[in-house]
Each structure stands twice: as C-alpha cells, then as structure tokens.
Protein backbone atom coordinates (compact mmCIF):
# COMPACT_ATOMS: atom_id res chain seq x y z
CA MET A 1 71.84 89.49 96.43
CA GLN A 2 71.16 92.89 97.91
CA THR A 3 70.04 92.84 101.53
CA ILE A 4 68.42 95.76 103.26
CA GLY A 5 68.89 95.51 107.00
CA PRO A 6 66.36 96.55 109.63
CA ASP A 7 68.78 98.93 111.31
CA THR A 8 70.06 100.85 108.32
CA GLY A 9 67.25 100.86 105.78
CA GLY A 10 69.97 100.76 103.15
CA PRO A 11 72.02 98.23 101.23
CA ALA A 12 74.20 95.86 103.19
CA SER A 13 76.84 93.41 102.09
CA ASP A 14 76.02 90.07 100.52
CA VAL A 15 75.02 87.42 103.04
CA ARG A 16 74.73 83.65 102.95
CA GLY A 17 71.08 82.67 103.08
CA PRO A 18 69.39 80.25 105.46
CA ALA A 19 68.59 76.60 104.71
CA PHE A 20 64.99 75.88 103.74
CA THR A 21 63.09 72.63 104.29
CA GLN A 22 59.72 73.65 102.83
CA LEU A 23 58.77 75.45 99.62
CA ARG A 24 55.41 76.61 98.29
CA ARG A 25 54.77 78.45 95.02
CA LEU A 26 51.69 80.26 93.82
CA ALA A 27 51.52 81.40 90.20
CA LEU A 28 49.74 84.75 90.02
CA ARG A 29 50.56 86.10 86.56
CA ASP A 30 47.32 87.51 85.10
CA ALA A 31 45.32 86.18 88.07
CA CYS A 32 42.41 88.12 89.48
CA ARG A 33 42.49 89.08 93.16
CA GLN A 34 46.24 88.56 93.51
CA VAL A 35 46.43 90.08 96.99
CA ALA A 36 43.56 88.03 98.42
CA ARG A 37 44.94 84.84 96.88
CA GLY A 38 48.38 85.59 98.28
CA ARG A 39 47.02 86.16 101.78
CA ARG A 40 44.95 82.94 101.72
CA PHE A 41 47.90 80.94 100.35
CA THR A 42 50.16 82.31 103.09
CA ARG A 43 47.68 81.60 105.89
CA GLU A 44 47.31 78.00 104.68
CA ALA A 45 51.08 77.49 104.54
CA LEU A 46 51.61 78.98 107.99
CA GLU A 47 48.91 76.71 109.40
CA ASP A 48 50.42 73.64 107.72
CA TRP A 49 53.86 74.53 109.10
CA GLY A 50 52.51 75.13 112.63
CA TRP A 51 53.29 78.84 112.56
CA ASP A 52 49.76 80.17 112.79
CA GLY A 53 49.38 80.55 116.56
CA GLN A 54 51.06 83.91 117.12
CA ASP A 55 50.50 87.53 116.10
CA THR A 56 53.71 87.24 114.10
CA ALA A 57 51.81 85.04 111.64
CA GLU A 58 49.50 87.98 110.93
CA ASP A 59 52.60 90.14 110.45
CA ALA A 60 53.76 87.63 107.81
CA VAL A 61 50.38 87.81 106.05
CA LEU A 62 50.59 91.62 106.09
CA VAL A 63 54.10 91.49 104.59
CA VAL A 64 52.78 89.28 101.77
CA SER A 65 49.85 91.64 101.25
CA GLU A 66 52.12 94.69 101.01
CA LEU A 67 54.64 93.06 98.65
CA VAL A 68 51.96 91.67 96.31
CA THR A 69 50.13 95.02 96.38
CA ASN A 70 53.36 96.86 95.48
CA ALA A 71 53.96 94.46 92.59
CA LYS A 72 50.41 95.03 91.37
CA LEU A 73 50.51 98.82 91.67
CA HIS A 74 54.07 99.54 90.59
CA ALA A 75 55.35 96.59 88.54
CA GLY A 76 52.51 95.36 86.36
CA GLY A 77 51.41 92.65 88.76
CA CYS A 78 52.85 89.79 90.73
CA HIS A 79 53.99 86.86 88.59
CA GLU A 80 54.68 84.46 91.43
CA LEU A 81 54.60 84.27 95.21
CA MET A 82 57.04 81.87 96.80
CA LEU A 83 57.20 80.93 100.48
CA ARG A 84 60.22 79.12 101.88
CA ALA A 85 60.39 77.77 105.41
CA GLY A 86 63.30 76.66 107.56
CA ASP A 87 65.15 78.75 110.13
CA VAL A 88 63.18 81.65 108.69
CA LEU A 89 60.04 82.23 106.70
CA ARG A 90 61.13 83.81 103.43
CA VAL A 91 58.50 85.53 101.30
CA GLU A 92 59.46 86.15 97.67
CA VAL A 93 57.35 88.18 95.25
CA TYR A 94 58.38 88.05 91.59
CA ASP A 95 57.28 90.61 89.01
CA GLY A 96 58.19 91.55 85.46
CA LEU A 97 59.57 95.05 85.98
CA GLY A 98 63.30 95.42 86.57
CA ASP A 99 63.13 98.75 88.43
CA LEU A 100 64.43 98.14 91.94
CA PRO A 101 62.52 99.78 94.81
CA ARG A 102 64.44 101.93 97.24
CA PRO A 103 63.48 102.53 100.83
CA LEU A 104 62.32 106.03 101.58
CA HIS A 105 64.49 108.14 103.82
CA PRO A 106 62.40 109.15 106.86
CA SER A 107 62.63 112.82 105.92
CA LEU A 108 61.07 112.02 102.51
CA SER A 109 58.10 110.12 103.88
CA THR A 110 54.61 110.82 102.70
CA ARG A 111 52.43 113.14 104.72
CA PRO A 112 50.64 111.52 107.65
CA GLY A 113 47.02 110.65 106.96
CA ARG A 114 47.49 110.27 103.21
CA PRO A 115 47.06 106.81 101.71
CA GLY A 116 49.90 105.11 99.89
CA GLY A 117 53.65 105.18 100.16
CA HIS A 118 53.87 103.14 103.35
CA GLY A 119 54.16 99.55 102.05
CA LEU A 120 57.93 99.11 102.17
CA ARG A 121 58.05 100.99 105.47
CA LEU A 122 55.65 98.37 106.91
CA VAL A 123 57.74 95.54 105.45
CA HIS A 124 60.85 97.13 106.96
CA ARG A 125 59.23 97.26 110.42
CA LEU A 126 57.61 93.80 110.38
CA ALA A 127 60.32 91.70 108.73
CA ASP A 128 63.66 90.81 110.24
CA ARG A 129 65.33 91.36 106.86
CA TRP A 130 64.20 92.32 103.39
CA GLY A 131 65.76 93.07 100.07
CA VAL A 132 65.45 93.05 96.32
CA GLN A 133 67.28 91.30 93.52
CA ALA A 134 67.05 91.59 89.75
CA VAL A 135 66.06 88.32 88.09
CA GLY A 136 65.73 87.98 84.33
CA ARG A 137 63.59 90.84 83.04
CA GLY A 138 62.05 91.46 86.43
CA LYS A 139 62.91 91.30 90.09
CA VAL A 140 62.15 89.54 93.32
CA VAL A 141 61.35 91.52 96.44
CA TRP A 142 61.77 89.34 99.49
CA ALA A 143 61.33 89.51 103.24
CA GLU A 144 62.33 87.17 106.04
CA ILE A 145 60.82 86.58 109.47
CA ASP A 146 62.77 84.43 111.89
CA ALA A 147 61.06 81.11 112.66
CA GLU A 148 61.56 81.70 116.39
CA ARG A 149 59.24 84.71 116.18
CA LEU A 150 56.63 82.65 114.33
CA ARG A 151 56.80 79.87 116.94
CA THR A 152 56.82 82.03 120.07
CA GLY A 153 55.75 85.54 119.09
CA ARG A 154 58.97 86.85 120.68
CA PRO A 155 62.01 88.28 118.88
CA GLY A 156 64.49 85.69 117.67
CA SER A 157 67.77 84.97 119.37
CA ALA A 158 69.91 86.38 116.55
C-alpha cells in the first residue's frame, strides 16, 4: 500500500491500517450522477454513524466528491465507493484505470482562478492521510479522516 502523508505530499513507507467496525459499499459502475450519488451515500453513512454534527463531516463529503469526480474525469468513471468506519473514516474510490495519480509539486500548480487541477490538493488538505494502490486492472484512491475530528471537529490526538 502506498501512503501519501499530509506533511510530505509524497510516498511514505508502508503502514499498518486501522481496524474498521463498519463498512458500506456503493456500486457506481455505469451509474448516472456518480458524484451526487456518492455525496448522498456518504451523508447518510455519516449520519447513521453519528458523525454528521461537525464541519469535518462536510470535509468528508467534499473528499468523496473530489475523488469520485477525479475517477469520472480521468479514469473512465468510478466503479465503486466504499466507506469504512472505525478509528478513522476511510473513503475508497475504485476505478478501472491503472494509472496512479501523483500529487502536484506546489511549483507546478495550475494558475490561480482557472478551474480544474485542484482535486487532489483539496484531498491532501482535508484528509489526515491519503494514498493510491493498484488493484486488478484498476486502482483505489483512498483518504482517511480521523474519527476524533468527525466527533469533535478538532484535530485528532495522533
């Protein structure tokens, strides 16, 4: 598993993942309105898990929106959205294109005021961790937000 840390923006060493007690899957292959469906699905899960009372929940919905949008624009569409809950909320977006995204170096950023090119930068800023992993003929792009932030709206204790 390749992890991209919030401090470096680059690859980090393999890490052991958190334990998850909840899992939700949404099949999106060939679905219309993938982004809207993903946002609605995420809001419902966050509400069910009691994580909908803080601004961080809206950050999580925005992360889902950006990852599903990237899959749609750059990888032929999102095949599946998976949400895992435990010590963290883990968002996983699966697609069918094996090209792995790379974070932009700040000096290579798009020009201010122009649309596009900011999705992974938003994910990097909003998530506590994110990364990408090849799976089968495609990949999964994932992001994690610490549960403590979702419960309290404050940064986690890690």
